[in-house]
Amino acid sequence: MRILTFFCSLMTLLVIVKMAFPPPCDSEIYCTGPILHQVQEAKLFDDDKYFVDMKLKAAPDVVLSAFYNLSNASPNMTVPPAKLREFLSEYFEEAGTEFEPWTPEDWHEKPKFLEKVADQELRNWAEKIHNLWKSLGRKIRVGVKDHPELYSLIYTPHPVIVPGGRFREFYYWDSYWVINGLLLSEMTDTAYGMIQNFLYLVNRYGFVPNGGRVYYERRSQPPFLTLMVESYYRATKDKEFLRAALPTLEREYQFWMQNRSKAVTVNGAEHILNRYHVEVGLPRPESYTDDLELVEGLTDDHKERLWMDLKAGAESGWDFSSRWYIDSDGHNNGTLTKTRTSQILPVDLNALLCLNEKTLASFHRTLGNGDSAAQYDRAVARRVEAMESVLWDAERGAWFDYNLVTHSNHFEFYFSNLAPIWAQCYSRPEMPEKAVQYLKGSGALQFPNGVPTSLRQSGQQWDYPNAWPPLQHMLIEGLSKLPSEEAKELAFDLVQRWIKTNWLAYSKYEAMFEKYDVNGDGKPGGGGEYEVQLGFGWTNGVVLQLLDQYGATLTSGSRRVSSGLMLPLVISAHRMLQ
């Protein structure tokens, strides 16, 4: 009876939810259960992620039995913090012990792209960034393969480049920019191994998990694997690699179409678009106490729904943002408790899937599969029609997320409103040019250090004042491909701002950061659930790509700014001095 009382009082929220939803993974230690609950509630570590990254010293059933005995001997079956620390010391190793030292064997000095960088200070900096790949390399110990039950780490057969900081393992969408940077650094073998890991994961799970931990097994991230393969094929022209990878890429595409799609009717016509959606109504193990505290006072149904939508927000990569809020009036106002990610059809996800469809068509055409290529061509046509019917607003000149609750668009500025420019997914050439005018009139270009993720200061990290490397790169790449000189000049101005920001921050801190503040002089970003992280994989990859493309004209000194952008910059500087 005492045991039953304990589980009813301590784990009521989990018992209720498990009736409706499967657990986030099979582990009763890393994903759910009394050890996770008590250790995280005791706040023994500054970051909840630390505990769920620790390795077991004994088999899970032995550890669970030992904890049962310990809790059974404790008042109210709640183990005191000091006893919990002793238990962890006896049965767990410190986080990070699942890796062994590894320096990428294909790393070498002086890759050719450095010769394109005219500014000597920027070239020296690029060399230092190239050197960072060695410090971010990780090789998984063979014990993870032989005894996976002792680890939260998901085994993959090849070494990886990780983001850095608290992110000890691979992350999915980060790796696209990492791989592009590796290819510029002439580290083709390392890039190949990372892609093979992702193909391995799709064959195992049907999709690529959010990151390399079992507690991420029920959610993915923006599906960039097809574009990773495209980058590698463009660099190597390895047609046999492409032929072998293609069935797995199609399997991932089918996962998104079968499990992350939603039919919506607009003006009497039905369209299929995609969304982020994770049906696990439990706290995130790596942010356990944050998720418990957030739902205090909510009904059980509301708790489950919010936890699912937080996971969907994590799947989006934008964790978290006011972009995912839907308040009682149907607007994207409020706080994190208003997160309804699954009820939003995101512009950027659909632009990415459109580009994937175009790329899969191209792959089939390259391999002589005309009929299959035509099928993907038709999928592109359907998606473009859907995006223009549901997401495009001709009056405003941009694409906007669609709210499934109110059956209307959210018209606030978010970086994602411009994603179809990058994906080149539109039917008429005037659309991206109108979007350039939308961007110029949005107020988002007034900041000296880049374009903010939004113009709303919510305290979340995917909002103002943070600027994120992958988003800057997507916008710059999209603008640079447009035919107008205005768009190309804007792209260069944004490159110069972004490089200057990253370079100044490196000069001050000797570090690359995951995000930056659009104000100040070389200032790392902030906000969200954790401190800004150093490393940093995708930041390094973006900088190397921009230096490769624009290195002949970029400077580390005075910023080159077009006359069309001078006024907003002067206004911004004036505001900063007030």
Protein backbone atom coordinates (compact mmCIF):
# COMPACT_ATOMS: atom_id res chain seq x y z
CA MET A 1 0.00 0.00 0.00
CA ARG A 2 2.88 2.34 0.84
CA ILE A 3 4.39 1.82 -2.61
CA LEU A 4 1.06 2.51 -4.29
CA THR A 5 0.63 5.70 -2.25
CA PHE A 6 4.11 6.83 -3.27
CA PHE A 7 3.49 6.39 -6.96
CA CYS A 8 0.07 7.99 -6.76
CA SER A 9 1.35 11.07 -4.92
CA LEU A 10 4.72 11.48 -6.63
CA MET A 11 3.95 10.40 -10.17
CA THR A 12 0.27 11.16 -10.66
CA LEU A 13 0.97 13.35 -13.64
CA LEU A 14 2.94 10.56 -15.34
CA VAL A 15 0.40 7.83 -14.61
CA ILE A 16 -2.44 9.88 -16.08
CA VAL A 17 -0.50 10.82 -19.18
CA LYS A 18 0.78 7.31 -19.86
CA MET A 19 -2.78 6.10 -20.34
CA ALA A 20 -3.07 8.32 -23.40
CA PHE A 21 0.50 8.66 -24.64
CA PRO A 22 3.47 6.34 -25.04
CA PRO A 23 6.65 7.24 -23.13
CA PRO A 24 9.30 9.36 -24.88
CA CYS A 25 11.56 6.28 -24.92
CA ASP A 26 11.86 2.83 -23.30
CA SER A 27 14.18 3.94 -20.49
CA GLU A 28 12.64 4.09 -17.01
CA ILE A 29 15.68 6.08 -15.90
CA TYR A 30 16.42 8.58 -18.66
CA CYS A 31 12.90 9.28 -19.91
CA THR A 32 10.41 8.67 -17.12
CA GLY A 33 10.13 7.12 -13.66
CA PRO A 34 10.92 7.91 -10.00
CA ILE A 35 14.72 8.31 -10.36
CA LEU A 36 14.33 10.95 -13.05
CA HIS A 37 11.60 12.69 -11.06
CA GLN A 38 13.40 12.82 -7.74
CA VAL A 39 16.85 13.71 -9.08
CA GLN A 40 15.53 16.52 -11.25
CA GLU A 41 13.17 17.85 -8.57
CA ALA A 42 16.09 17.99 -6.12
CA LYS A 43 17.93 20.34 -8.53
CA LEU A 44 21.30 18.70 -7.92
CA PHE A 45 22.70 20.18 -11.12
CA ASP A 46 22.50 23.62 -12.70
CA ASP A 47 21.21 22.09 -15.93
CA ASP A 48 18.60 19.29 -16.02
CA LYS A 49 20.35 17.91 -19.10
CA TYR A 50 23.39 16.91 -17.05
CA PHE A 51 21.69 14.08 -15.17
CA VAL A 52 20.09 12.48 -18.22
CA ASP A 53 23.50 12.46 -19.96
CA MET A 54 25.16 10.44 -17.16
CA LYS A 55 26.17 6.81 -17.80
CA LEU A 56 24.97 3.95 -15.63
CA LYS A 57 27.58 1.89 -13.75
CA ALA A 58 25.21 -1.08 -13.43
CA ALA A 59 22.33 -2.61 -15.40
CA PRO A 60 19.09 -0.57 -15.33
CA ASP A 61 17.16 -3.17 -13.31
CA VAL A 62 19.93 -3.18 -10.67
CA VAL A 63 19.84 0.63 -10.45
CA LEU A 64 16.04 0.71 -10.30
CA SER A 65 16.00 -1.94 -7.56
CA ALA A 66 18.61 -0.04 -5.55
CA PHE A 67 16.60 3.15 -5.84
CA TYR A 68 13.43 1.36 -4.78
CA ASN A 69 15.20 0.14 -1.64
CA LEU A 70 16.61 3.60 -0.96
CA SER A 71 13.29 5.37 -1.42
CA ASN A 72 11.49 2.71 0.61
CA ALA A 73 13.76 3.55 3.53
CA SER A 74 13.21 7.31 3.19
CA PRO A 75 10.48 9.46 4.77
CA ASN A 76 7.47 9.63 2.42
CA MET A 77 9.65 7.67 -0.02
CA THR A 78 11.39 10.95 -0.94
CA VAL A 79 15.16 10.54 -0.88
CA PRO A 80 17.01 13.50 0.72
CA PRO A 81 19.43 15.40 -1.56
CA ALA A 82 22.53 14.17 0.25
CA LYS A 83 21.43 10.55 -0.17
CA LEU A 84 20.60 11.21 -3.82
CA ARG A 85 24.13 12.47 -4.38
CA GLU A 86 25.53 9.32 -2.78
CA PHE A 87 23.26 7.20 -4.96
CA LEU A 88 24.37 8.99 -8.12
CA SER A 89 28.02 8.63 -7.15
CA GLU A 90 27.57 4.88 -6.70
CA TYR A 91 25.48 4.12 -9.77
CA PHE A 92 26.29 6.84 -12.36
CA GLU A 93 29.36 8.24 -14.07
CA GLU A 94 29.84 11.91 -14.93
CA ALA A 95 28.34 13.16 -18.19
CA GLY A 96 30.61 12.98 -21.21
CA THR A 97 32.41 9.72 -20.39
CA GLU A 98 30.76 7.95 -23.34
CA PHE A 99 33.16 9.67 -25.76
CA GLU A 100 36.83 9.03 -26.39
CA PRO A 101 39.37 11.62 -27.58
CA TRP A 102 39.31 12.00 -31.36
CA THR A 103 40.89 14.35 -33.84
CA PRO A 104 39.45 14.14 -37.37
CA GLU A 105 42.00 12.30 -39.48
CA ASP A 106 41.17 14.36 -42.57
CA TRP A 107 41.81 17.71 -40.89
CA HIS A 108 44.78 19.55 -42.39
CA GLU A 109 46.12 23.08 -42.44
CA LYS A 110 45.48 25.70 -45.10
CA PRO A 111 42.34 24.55 -46.96
CA LYS A 112 42.07 26.28 -50.34
CA PHE A 113 39.09 28.49 -49.50
CA LEU A 114 41.35 30.59 -47.25
CA GLU A 115 43.02 31.97 -50.36
CA LYS A 116 39.74 33.70 -51.25
CA VAL A 117 39.74 35.82 -48.08
CA ALA A 118 41.46 39.11 -48.94
CA ASP A 119 41.40 40.77 -45.51
CA GLN A 120 44.37 39.38 -43.56
CA GLU A 121 42.67 39.62 -40.16
CA LEU A 122 39.62 37.77 -41.46
CA ARG A 123 41.86 35.14 -43.06
CA ASN A 124 43.69 34.58 -39.75
CA TRP A 125 40.34 34.29 -38.01
CA ALA A 126 39.09 31.81 -40.62
CA GLU A 127 42.15 29.64 -39.89
CA LYS A 128 41.27 29.66 -36.19
CA ILE A 129 37.69 28.65 -36.97
CA HIS A 130 39.02 25.85 -39.19
CA ASN A 131 41.08 24.72 -36.19
CA LEU A 132 37.93 24.48 -34.04
CA TRP A 133 36.77 21.36 -35.89
CA LYS A 134 39.44 19.44 -33.96
CA SER A 135 38.04 20.49 -30.58
CA LEU A 136 34.44 19.69 -31.58
CA GLY A 137 35.13 16.16 -32.84
CA ARG A 138 33.62 13.26 -30.86
CA LYS A 139 33.99 9.51 -31.25
CA ILE A 140 31.57 7.23 -29.41
CA ARG A 141 33.15 4.53 -27.27
CA VAL A 142 32.51 0.96 -28.36
CA GLY A 143 30.78 0.32 -25.02
CA VAL A 144 27.79 2.34 -26.22
CA LYS A 145 27.33 -0.16 -29.04
CA ASP A 146 27.91 -3.21 -26.84
CA HIS A 147 25.82 -2.04 -23.86
CA PRO A 148 23.33 0.59 -25.04
CA GLU A 149 21.17 0.05 -21.94
CA LEU A 150 23.82 1.81 -19.84
CA TYR A 151 23.69 5.04 -21.81
CA SER A 152 21.29 7.74 -22.89
CA LEU A 153 23.55 8.30 -25.91
CA ILE A 154 22.31 6.83 -29.21
CA TYR A 155 25.06 4.85 -30.89
CA THR A 156 26.10 5.89 -34.38
CA PRO A 157 28.92 4.16 -36.27
CA HIS A 158 30.97 7.20 -37.33
CA PRO A 159 32.56 10.07 -35.38
CA VAL A 160 30.77 13.42 -35.41
CA ILE A 161 31.29 17.15 -35.03
CA VAL A 162 29.06 18.38 -32.21
CA PRO A 163 27.69 21.90 -31.66
CA GLY A 164 29.62 22.46 -28.41
CA GLY A 165 28.93 23.44 -24.80
CA ARG A 166 26.06 21.52 -23.18
CA PHE A 167 25.33 19.95 -26.56
CA ARG A 168 27.73 17.01 -26.23
CA GLU A 169 26.07 14.89 -28.91
CA PHE A 170 25.02 15.39 -32.51
CA TYR A 171 22.01 17.56 -33.34
CA TYR A 172 20.12 17.14 -36.56
CA TRP A 173 19.58 20.47 -38.28
CA ASP A 174 22.77 22.01 -36.84
CA SER A 175 24.70 19.43 -38.83
CA TYR A 176 23.71 20.84 -42.22
CA TRP A 177 25.81 23.96 -41.68
CA VAL A 178 28.53 21.93 -39.95
CA ILE A 179 28.78 19.61 -42.97
CA ASN A 180 28.93 22.53 -45.40
CA GLY A 181 31.75 23.98 -43.33
CA LEU A 182 33.57 20.64 -43.23
CA LEU A 183 33.37 20.36 -47.01
CA LEU A 184 34.98 23.80 -47.33
CA SER A 185 37.65 22.65 -44.88
CA GLU A 186 38.26 19.69 -47.22
CA MET A 187 37.18 17.25 -44.50
CA THR A 188 35.17 15.10 -46.86
CA ASP A 189 35.56 11.89 -44.87
CA THR A 190 34.21 13.45 -41.68
CA ALA A 191 31.27 14.95 -43.58
CA TYR A 192 30.60 11.56 -45.22
CA GLY A 193 30.61 9.82 -41.84
CA MET A 194 28.10 12.27 -40.37
CA ILE A 195 25.76 11.78 -43.33
CA GLN A 196 26.09 8.01 -43.02
CA ASN A 197 25.12 8.33 -39.34
CA PHE A 198 21.93 10.14 -40.29
CA LEU A 199 21.10 7.58 -42.97
CA TYR A 200 21.68 4.86 -40.34
CA LEU A 201 19.25 6.64 -37.98
CA VAL A 202 16.54 6.93 -40.63
CA ASN A 203 16.86 3.22 -41.33
CA ARG A 204 16.53 2.55 -37.61
CA TYR A 205 13.79 5.00 -36.62
CA GLY A 206 12.18 6.07 -39.89
CA PHE A 207 13.38 9.65 -39.24
CA VAL A 208 16.37 11.46 -37.72
CA PRO A 209 15.88 12.17 -34.00
CA ASN A 210 16.27 15.71 -32.67
CA GLY A 211 19.69 14.76 -31.25
CA GLY A 212 21.83 11.84 -30.19
CA ARG A 213 20.02 10.85 -26.97
CA VAL A 214 17.27 8.35 -26.25
CA TYR A 215 15.13 11.09 -24.72
CA TYR A 216 14.98 12.66 -28.20
CA GLU A 217 13.68 9.48 -29.88
CA ARG A 218 10.11 10.67 -30.36
CA ARG A 219 10.87 14.00 -32.03
CA SER A 220 12.88 15.12 -35.03
CA GLN A 221 14.14 18.52 -36.23
CA PRO A 222 13.84 20.39 -39.54
CA PRO A 223 14.61 17.69 -42.16
CA PHE A 224 17.90 18.78 -43.74
CA LEU A 225 19.32 15.34 -44.57
CA THR A 226 18.40 15.55 -48.26
CA LEU A 227 20.24 18.88 -48.50
CA MET A 228 23.26 17.42 -46.67
CA VAL A 229 23.42 14.70 -49.32
CA GLU A 230 23.11 17.36 -52.02
CA SER A 231 26.04 19.30 -50.54
CA TYR A 232 28.19 16.17 -50.42
CA TYR A 233 27.24 15.13 -53.97
CA ARG A 234 27.99 18.62 -55.28
CA ALA A 235 31.45 18.43 -53.69
CA THR A 236 32.31 14.86 -54.75
CA LYS A 237 30.10 13.94 -57.73
CA ASP A 238 29.86 10.47 -56.13
CA LYS A 239 26.89 9.06 -58.01
CA GLU A 240 27.05 5.65 -56.31
CA PHE A 241 26.79 7.32 -52.91
CA LEU A 242 23.75 9.21 -54.18
CA ARG A 243 22.16 6.03 -55.55
CA ALA A 244 22.65 4.24 -52.22
CA ALA A 245 21.32 7.14 -50.13
CA LEU A 246 18.21 7.96 -52.16
CA PRO A 247 15.84 5.23 -50.83
CA THR A 248 16.61 6.31 -47.26
CA LEU A 249 15.99 9.98 -48.10
CA GLU A 250 12.62 8.99 -49.54
CA ARG A 251 11.82 7.05 -46.38
CA GLU A 252 12.44 10.16 -44.28
CA TYR A 253 10.30 12.24 -46.65
CA GLN A 254 7.47 9.73 -46.24
CA PHE A 255 7.73 10.01 -42.46
CA TRP A 256 7.11 13.74 -42.66
CA MET A 257 4.24 13.33 -45.11
CA GLN A 258 2.55 10.56 -43.11
CA ASN A 259 3.16 11.80 -39.56
CA ARG A 260 3.61 15.56 -39.78
CA SER A 261 1.06 16.65 -42.40
CA LYS A 262 -2.28 18.39 -42.05
CA ALA A 263 -5.13 18.99 -44.48
CA VAL A 264 -6.51 22.52 -44.49
CA THR A 265 -9.36 23.96 -46.55
CA VAL A 266 -9.06 27.55 -47.79
CA ASN A 267 -11.55 29.15 -50.16
CA GLY A 268 -13.21 25.79 -50.75
CA ALA A 269 -10.02 23.99 -51.81
CA GLU A 270 -8.21 21.40 -49.69
CA HIS A 271 -4.43 21.60 -49.38
CA ILE A 272 -1.86 19.43 -47.57
CA LEU A 273 0.87 21.20 -45.64
CA ASN A 274 3.22 20.11 -42.88
CA ARG A 275 3.65 20.97 -39.22
CA TYR A 276 5.66 20.01 -36.14
CA HIS A 277 3.74 17.55 -33.97
CA VAL A 278 4.94 15.30 -31.13
CA GLU A 279 2.44 13.14 -29.27
CA VAL A 280 4.28 12.67 -25.98
CA GLY A 281 2.43 14.42 -23.15
CA LEU A 282 5.23 14.26 -20.57
CA PRO A 283 7.90 16.72 -19.40
CA ARG A 284 11.08 16.83 -21.48
CA PRO A 285 13.70 14.85 -19.49
CA GLU A 286 16.45 17.34 -20.37
CA SER A 287 14.30 20.28 -19.17
CA TYR A 288 12.24 18.39 -16.62
CA THR A 289 11.88 20.93 -13.83
CA ASP A 290 11.25 23.77 -16.30
CA ASP A 291 8.34 21.80 -17.74
CA LEU A 292 6.93 20.86 -14.33
CA GLU A 293 7.08 24.43 -13.04
CA LEU A 294 5.53 25.78 -16.22
CA VAL A 295 2.34 23.71 -15.81
CA GLU A 296 1.68 24.49 -12.16
CA GLY A 297 -1.99 25.26 -11.70
CA LEU A 298 -3.08 23.88 -15.09
CA THR A 299 -5.60 21.08 -15.60
CA ASP A 300 -4.26 17.62 -16.51
CA ASP A 301 -5.51 17.98 -20.09
CA HIS A 302 -3.82 21.35 -20.45
CA LYS A 303 -0.57 19.96 -19.01
CA GLU A 304 -0.49 17.12 -21.52
CA ARG A 305 -1.26 19.43 -24.43
CA LEU A 306 1.38 21.97 -23.38
CA TRP A 307 4.06 19.31 -22.93
CA MET A 308 3.30 17.96 -26.40
CA ASP A 309 3.51 21.43 -27.91
CA LEU A 310 6.78 22.18 -26.09
CA LYS A 311 8.23 19.05 -27.68
CA ALA A 312 6.86 20.15 -31.04
CA GLY A 313 8.55 23.50 -30.45
CA ALA A 314 11.80 21.66 -29.79
CA GLU A 315 11.24 19.70 -33.00
CA SER A 316 10.98 22.98 -34.90
CA GLY A 317 14.46 24.02 -33.78
CA TRP A 318 12.93 27.30 -32.58
CA ASP A 319 12.69 26.38 -28.91
CA PHE A 320 11.20 28.68 -27.94
CA SER A 321 9.53 31.65 -29.59
CA SER A 322 6.44 33.83 -29.39
CA ARG A 323 5.89 32.53 -32.92
CA TRP A 324 4.33 29.39 -31.39
CA TYR A 325 1.97 31.20 -28.99
CA ILE A 326 -1.79 31.16 -29.45
CA ASP A 327 -3.74 32.97 -26.72
CA SER A 328 -7.45 32.72 -25.91
CA ASP A 329 -8.19 35.28 -28.63
CA GLY A 330 -6.28 33.29 -31.22
CA HIS A 331 -3.36 35.73 -31.41
CA ASN A 332 0.32 34.93 -30.84
CA ASN A 333 0.48 36.80 -27.54
CA GLY A 334 1.15 35.70 -23.99
CA THR A 335 3.90 33.63 -22.42
CA LEU A 336 5.37 30.16 -22.85
CA THR A 337 2.21 28.56 -21.41
CA LYS A 338 0.43 29.67 -24.60
CA THR A 339 2.68 27.50 -26.81
CA ARG A 340 0.57 25.65 -29.41
CA THR A 341 3.19 24.64 -31.96
CA SER A 342 1.15 21.77 -33.37
CA GLN A 343 -1.67 24.18 -34.27
CA ILE A 344 0.51 26.23 -36.60
CA LEU A 345 1.46 25.47 -40.21
CA PRO A 346 4.98 26.94 -40.41
CA VAL A 347 6.24 28.75 -43.50
CA ASP A 348 9.84 27.60 -43.11
CA LEU A 349 9.08 23.89 -42.66
CA ASN A 350 6.98 23.89 -45.81
CA ALA A 351 9.61 25.85 -47.72
CA LEU A 352 12.21 23.29 -46.62
CA LEU A 353 10.04 20.35 -47.67
CA CYS A 354 9.40 22.06 -51.00
CA LEU A 355 13.17 22.32 -51.50
CA ASN A 356 13.54 18.67 -50.47
CA GLU A 357 10.97 17.69 -53.09
CA LYS A 358 12.82 19.69 -55.74
CA THR A 359 16.10 18.09 -54.69
CA LEU A 360 14.68 14.55 -54.70
CA ALA A 361 13.35 15.20 -58.21
CA SER A 362 16.83 16.35 -59.23
CA PHE A 363 18.44 13.25 -57.71
CA HIS A 364 16.11 10.93 -59.60
CA ARG A 365 16.77 12.83 -62.81
CA THR A 366 20.54 12.54 -62.25
CA LEU A 367 20.16 8.77 -61.81
CA GLY A 368 17.95 8.41 -64.91
CA ASN A 369 14.67 7.83 -63.04
CA GLY A 370 12.41 10.09 -65.08
CA ASP A 371 9.09 8.78 -63.77
CA SER A 372 10.12 9.22 -60.13
CA ALA A 373 11.47 12.69 -60.86
CA ALA A 374 8.11 13.63 -62.37
CA GLN A 375 6.31 12.46 -59.21
CA TYR A 376 8.38 14.84 -57.10
CA ASP A 377 7.89 17.62 -59.65
CA ARG A 378 4.15 17.21 -59.12
CA ALA A 379 4.65 17.26 -55.34
CA VAL A 380 6.51 20.57 -55.70
CA ALA A 381 3.68 22.01 -57.79
CA ARG A 382 1.10 20.93 -55.20
CA ARG A 383 3.10 22.43 -52.35
CA VAL A 384 3.74 25.73 -54.12
CA GLU A 385 0.00 26.00 -54.81
CA ALA A 386 -0.77 25.18 -51.17
CA MET A 387 1.78 27.67 -49.83
CA GLU A 388 0.45 30.43 -52.05
CA SER A 389 -3.18 29.66 -51.16
CA VAL A 390 -2.64 29.30 -47.41
CA LEU A 391 0.55 31.18 -46.47
CA TRP A 392 1.18 33.92 -49.07
CA ASP A 393 -0.31 37.38 -48.55
CA ALA A 394 -0.16 39.44 -51.74
CA GLU A 395 -0.96 42.73 -50.03
CA ARG A 396 1.84 42.41 -47.48
CA GLY A 397 4.19 40.69 -49.90
CA ALA A 398 5.36 37.77 -47.75
CA TRP A 399 4.42 34.31 -46.46
CA PHE A 400 2.91 33.95 -42.98
CA ASP A 401 2.34 31.02 -40.62
CA TYR A 402 -1.23 29.67 -40.59
CA ASN A 403 -3.14 29.30 -37.32
CA LEU A 404 -5.26 26.13 -37.35
CA VAL A 405 -7.33 27.35 -34.40
CA THR A 406 -8.53 30.59 -35.98
CA HIS A 407 -8.03 29.53 -39.63
CA SER A 408 -6.07 32.70 -40.28
CA ASN A 409 -2.47 33.86 -40.66
CA HIS A 410 -0.17 35.44 -38.08
CA PHE A 411 1.04 38.68 -39.65
CA GLU A 412 3.77 39.62 -37.20
CA PHE A 413 7.37 39.74 -38.46
CA TYR A 414 9.33 36.50 -38.06
CA PHE A 415 12.41 35.53 -39.98
CA SER A 416 10.53 32.51 -41.29
CA ASN A 417 8.25 34.78 -43.35
CA LEU A 418 11.08 34.96 -45.90
CA ALA A 419 12.05 31.25 -46.07
CA PRO A 420 10.50 30.63 -49.54
CA ILE A 421 13.04 33.09 -51.00
CA TRP A 422 15.82 30.76 -49.82
CA ALA A 423 13.97 27.63 -51.01
CA GLN A 424 13.02 29.31 -54.30
CA CYS A 425 9.51 27.95 -53.86
CA TYR A 426 7.15 30.37 -55.54
CA SER A 427 5.32 30.48 -58.86
CA ARG A 428 5.91 34.08 -59.94
CA PRO A 429 9.23 35.99 -59.99
CA GLU A 430 7.64 39.13 -58.57
CA MET A 431 6.89 37.33 -55.29
CA PRO A 432 10.44 37.31 -53.87
CA GLU A 433 10.99 40.88 -55.05
CA LYS A 434 7.84 41.92 -53.17
CA ALA A 435 9.20 40.04 -50.16
CA VAL A 436 12.41 42.09 -50.34
CA GLN A 437 10.29 45.25 -50.12
CA TYR A 438 8.38 43.68 -47.20
CA LEU A 439 11.70 43.04 -45.43
CA LYS A 440 12.90 46.61 -46.04
CA GLY A 441 9.68 48.00 -44.59
CA SER A 442 9.48 45.60 -41.64
CA GLY A 443 11.94 47.38 -39.36
CA ALA A 444 14.09 44.26 -39.15
CA LEU A 445 17.01 45.84 -41.07
CA GLN A 446 17.61 48.66 -38.59
CA PHE A 447 20.05 46.72 -36.40
CA PRO A 448 23.84 46.82 -36.84
CA ASN A 449 24.62 43.15 -36.18
CA GLY A 450 22.15 41.19 -38.28
CA VAL A 451 18.46 40.51 -38.69
CA PRO A 452 16.63 39.55 -35.48
CA THR A 453 14.54 36.39 -35.38
CA SER A 454 11.49 38.51 -34.58
CA LEU A 455 10.75 42.03 -33.40
CA ARG A 456 9.11 40.88 -30.17
CA GLN A 457 11.11 40.89 -26.92
CA SER A 458 9.48 37.88 -25.24
CA GLY A 459 12.49 36.64 -23.27
CA GLN A 460 12.58 33.53 -25.45
CA GLN A 461 15.77 32.88 -27.36
CA TRP A 462 14.13 32.64 -30.80
CA ASP A 463 12.86 36.21 -30.57
CA TYR A 464 14.35 39.71 -30.48
CA PRO A 465 17.17 40.62 -29.89
CA ASN A 466 18.77 37.33 -30.95
CA ALA A 467 20.13 36.64 -34.42
CA TRP A 468 20.86 33.01 -35.30
CA PRO A 469 23.52 31.86 -37.80
CA PRO A 470 21.39 29.43 -39.86
CA LEU A 471 18.65 32.01 -40.39
CA GLN A 472 21.13 34.70 -41.44
CA HIS A 473 22.68 32.29 -43.93
CA MET A 474 19.34 31.21 -45.40
CA LEU A 475 18.26 34.80 -45.97
CA ILE A 476 21.61 35.85 -47.44
CA GLU A 477 21.71 32.83 -49.73
CA GLY A 478 18.14 33.48 -50.90
CA LEU A 479 18.73 37.16 -51.57
CA SER A 480 21.98 36.48 -53.43
CA LYS A 481 20.15 34.24 -55.93
CA LEU A 482 17.58 36.86 -56.89
CA PRO A 483 18.19 38.70 -60.16
CA SER A 484 17.79 42.25 -58.83
CA GLU A 485 20.85 44.28 -57.87
CA GLU A 486 18.92 45.60 -54.88
CA ALA A 487 18.58 42.07 -53.44
CA LYS A 488 22.24 41.22 -54.12
CA GLU A 489 23.42 44.46 -52.50
CA LEU A 490 21.24 43.78 -49.48
CA ALA A 491 22.72 40.28 -49.24
CA PHE A 492 26.24 41.71 -49.17
CA ASP A 493 25.35 44.30 -46.54
CA LEU A 494 23.92 41.54 -44.32
CA VAL A 495 27.04 39.42 -44.84
CA GLN A 496 29.30 42.30 -43.82
CA ARG A 497 27.24 42.98 -40.69
CA TRP A 498 27.20 39.31 -39.69
CA ILE A 499 30.90 38.72 -40.26
CA LYS A 500 31.77 41.89 -38.35
CA THR A 501 29.58 40.80 -35.41
CA ASN A 502 31.10 37.32 -35.24
CA TRP A 503 34.65 38.64 -35.68
CA LEU A 504 34.30 41.31 -32.98
CA ALA A 505 32.86 38.77 -30.52
CA TYR A 506 35.71 36.39 -31.27
CA SER A 507 38.25 39.20 -30.79
CA LYS A 508 36.78 39.90 -27.33
CA TYR A 509 36.06 36.39 -26.08
CA GLU A 510 38.16 34.10 -28.30
CA ALA A 511 35.00 32.06 -28.84
CA MET A 512 32.25 31.47 -31.36
CA PHE A 513 28.70 31.55 -29.98
CA GLU A 514 25.48 29.79 -30.96
CA LYS A 515 23.65 33.13 -31.35
CA TYR A 516 24.34 36.87 -31.24
CA ASP A 517 22.61 40.06 -30.11
CA VAL A 518 21.63 42.35 -32.98
CA ASN A 519 22.66 45.35 -30.87
CA GLY A 520 26.04 46.30 -29.39
CA ASP A 521 29.49 45.45 -30.65
CA GLY A 522 30.11 41.71 -30.95
CA LYS A 523 27.74 40.65 -28.20
CA PRO A 524 26.55 37.04 -27.73
CA GLY A 525 22.81 36.44 -27.53
CA GLY A 526 20.83 35.42 -24.46
CA GLY A 527 17.43 34.46 -23.10
CA GLY A 528 15.69 31.10 -23.08
CA GLU A 529 16.25 28.08 -20.89
CA TYR A 530 20.06 27.98 -20.71
CA GLU A 531 23.14 30.21 -20.91
CA VAL A 532 24.53 31.04 -24.35
CA GLN A 533 26.78 28.22 -25.55
CA LEU A 534 30.30 28.32 -26.98
CA GLY A 535 31.67 26.21 -29.80
CA PHE A 536 29.88 26.48 -32.03
CA GLY A 537 29.20 24.11 -34.89
CA TRP A 538 26.69 25.88 -37.10
CA THR A 539 28.17 29.32 -36.37
CA ASN A 540 31.55 28.12 -37.64
CA GLY A 541 29.99 26.55 -40.72
CA VAL A 542 28.06 29.70 -41.63
CA VAL A 543 31.08 31.98 -41.23
CA LEU A 544 33.25 29.72 -43.38
CA GLN A 545 30.61 29.64 -46.13
CA LEU A 546 30.24 33.43 -46.11
CA LEU A 547 34.00 33.96 -46.15
CA ASP A 548 34.27 31.50 -49.05
CA GLN A 549 31.59 33.29 -51.06
CA TYR A 550 32.30 36.92 -50.15
CA GLY A 551 35.88 36.87 -48.83
CA ALA A 552 37.28 38.93 -51.70
CA THR A 553 35.28 42.00 -50.63
CA LEU A 554 34.61 41.61 -46.88
CA THR A 555 36.57 43.70 -44.41
CA SER A 556 37.30 43.49 -40.70
CA GLY A 557 37.45 47.29 -40.50
CA SER A 558 34.83 49.86 -41.44
CA ARG A 559 31.49 48.44 -42.44
CA ARG A 560 30.53 48.89 -46.08
CA VAL A 561 26.90 49.98 -46.20
CA SER A 562 24.71 50.88 -49.15
CA SER A 563 22.99 54.26 -49.23
CA GLY A 564 19.59 52.56 -49.07
CA LEU A 565 20.42 51.08 -45.69
CA MET A 566 22.33 54.02 -44.20
CA LEU A 567 19.28 55.75 -42.72
CA PRO A 568 17.97 52.79 -40.67
CA LEU A 569 21.49 52.19 -39.36
CA VAL A 570 21.85 55.84 -38.33
CA ILE A 571 18.44 55.70 -36.62
CA SER A 572 19.47 52.50 -34.81
CA ALA A 573 22.75 54.03 -33.67
CA HIS A 574 20.91 57.13 -32.41
CA ARG A 575 18.51 54.94 -30.40
CA MET A 576 21.41 53.01 -28.87
CA LEU A 577 22.99 56.30 -27.67
CA GLN A 578 19.79 57.58 -26.08
